[in-house]
Protein backbone atom coordinates (compact mmCIF):
# COMPACT_ATOMS: atom_id res chain seq x y z
CA MET A 1 178.73 106.59 36.20
CA LYS A 2 178.97 102.99 36.44
CA GLN A 3 175.33 101.85 36.69
CA ALA A 4 174.15 104.62 34.56
CA ARG A 5 176.89 102.67 31.50
CA LYS A 6 174.91 99.91 32.86
CA ARG A 7 171.63 100.33 32.05
CA ALA A 8 172.62 102.10 28.61
CA GLY A 9 173.96 99.07 27.71
CA MET A 10 177.34 99.95 26.98
CA THR A 11 180.66 98.86 27.61
CA GLN A 12 183.70 101.53 29.07
CA ALA A 13 185.23 101.30 26.17
CA GLU A 14 181.58 102.22 23.85
CA ALA A 15 180.51 104.87 27.11
CA ALA A 16 184.20 106.33 26.19
CA GLU A 17 184.06 106.46 22.96
CA GLY A 18 180.62 108.07 22.96
CA ILE A 19 182.28 110.75 25.53
CA GLY A 20 185.21 111.13 22.99
CA ILE A 21 187.56 110.68 25.64
CA ALA A 22 190.46 107.35 26.51
CA PRO A 23 188.79 104.61 27.69
CA GLU A 24 191.62 104.00 30.71
CA VAL A 25 190.73 108.17 31.81
CA TYR A 26 186.72 107.07 31.95
CA GLY A 27 187.84 104.14 33.60
CA ARG A 28 189.13 106.32 36.32
CA MET A 29 186.34 108.21 36.74
CA GLU A 30 183.94 105.29 37.07
CA ARG A 31 186.04 104.29 39.65
CA GLY A 32 185.82 107.92 41.41
CA GLY A 33 189.79 108.51 40.52
CA VAL A 34 189.11 111.49 38.38
CA LEU A 35 186.71 113.94 38.18
CA PRO A 36 185.51 115.23 34.06
CA SER A 37 185.55 118.89 33.47
CA VAL A 38 182.24 120.57 32.53
CA PRO A 39 181.99 119.44 28.90
CA THR A 40 183.07 116.00 29.62
CA LEU A 41 179.84 115.28 32.20
CA LEU A 42 177.90 117.21 29.89
CA ARG A 43 178.32 114.79 27.28
CA MET A 44 178.67 111.91 29.75
CA CYS A 45 174.85 112.61 30.56
CA LEU A 46 174.01 112.68 26.85
CA ILE A 47 175.58 109.39 26.09
CA LEU A 48 174.63 107.73 29.11
CA GLY A 49 170.75 109.22 29.29
CA SER A 50 171.08 110.51 33.19
CA GLY A 51 171.81 114.22 35.15
CA PRO A 52 175.05 115.07 36.52
CA HIS A 53 173.69 113.94 40.30
CA GLU A 54 173.45 110.97 39.34
CA LEU A 55 176.98 110.28 37.87
CA MET A 56 178.93 112.73 40.39
CA GLY A 57 177.43 110.85 42.91
CA PHE A 58 175.04 112.62 44.25
CA ALA A 59 171.65 110.28 44.15
CA GLU A 60 171.40 106.92 44.13
CA VAL A 61 168.82 105.10 41.71
CA GLU A 62 167.95 101.75 41.53
CA SER A 63 168.65 100.16 37.87
CA GLY A 64 165.67 100.68 35.61
CA GLN A 65 164.63 103.70 37.04
CA SER A 66 165.38 107.72 36.12
CA ALA A 67 166.91 110.14 38.62
CA PRO A 68 164.47 112.29 40.23
CA GLY A 69 164.34 115.67 38.98
CA ALA A 70 166.81 114.27 35.85
CA ASN A 71 167.21 116.52 32.77
CA THR A 72 165.29 116.26 30.59
CA VAL A 73 167.14 113.94 27.50
CA PRO A 74 167.39 115.07 24.23
CA PRO A 75 165.21 113.33 21.72
CA GLY A 76 167.33 110.39 19.62
CA LEU A 77 169.47 110.33 23.17
CA SER A 78 167.32 107.48 24.54
CA ASP A 79 167.82 105.49 21.66
CA THR A 80 167.93 101.74 22.27
CA PRO A 81 171.82 100.58 22.94
CA GLU A 82 171.67 98.93 20.01
CA LYS A 83 170.60 101.77 17.84
CA ARG A 84 173.12 103.84 19.66
CA CYS A 85 176.23 101.46 18.65
CA LEU A 86 175.03 101.47 15.07
CA LEU A 87 174.89 105.05 15.06
CA ARG A 88 178.56 105.39 16.57
CA ARG A 89 179.60 102.41 13.66
CA LEU A 90 178.15 104.53 11.36
CA ALA A 91 180.19 107.77 12.22
CA ARG A 92 183.41 106.00 11.48
CA LEU A 93 182.24 105.24 7.94
CA ASP A 94 183.62 107.45 5.61
CA SER A 95 181.61 109.52 2.72
CA PRO A 96 181.87 106.95 0.14
CA ARG A 97 180.85 104.32 2.35
CA LEU A 98 178.19 106.00 4.21
CA LYS A 99 176.15 106.78 0.98
CA ALA A 100 176.31 103.47 -0.26
CA LEU A 101 175.16 102.11 2.73
CA ALA A 102 172.61 105.20 2.47
CA ARG A 103 171.13 103.71 -0.64
CA LEU A 104 170.77 100.53 0.50
CA VAL A 105 168.85 101.31 3.88
CA ALA A 106 166.74 103.18 1.15
CA LEU A 107 166.21 100.23 -0.93
CA LEU A 108 165.39 98.18 2.08
CA LEU A 109 162.92 100.69 2.85
CA SER A 110 161.05 100.82 -0.56
CA GLY A 111 160.89 96.89 -0.10
CA ARG A 112 162.37 96.28 -3.83
């Protein structure tokens, strides 16, 4: 898990937030003290962009490589760490702020 998290450019707290668990629980999972439930493992695979075999320690993967036979990651989940960080921050905005930001982005993209 640690290797996959580092490849994804995330801290333990960021990974935990993306998965929807407490950072303390994520840390225990990463150290091998606790096993995730199946739904949590699925969210971990999606957030970290790795297959369950790697995250559960059944496959060694060198940094920068994908695990052999790894599940295909759905489009958008293999985004850069910066984009994932921005998306996590956007998810915390309330509706009025999100709408205002969308208008600002539209203006920036239109070149006005």
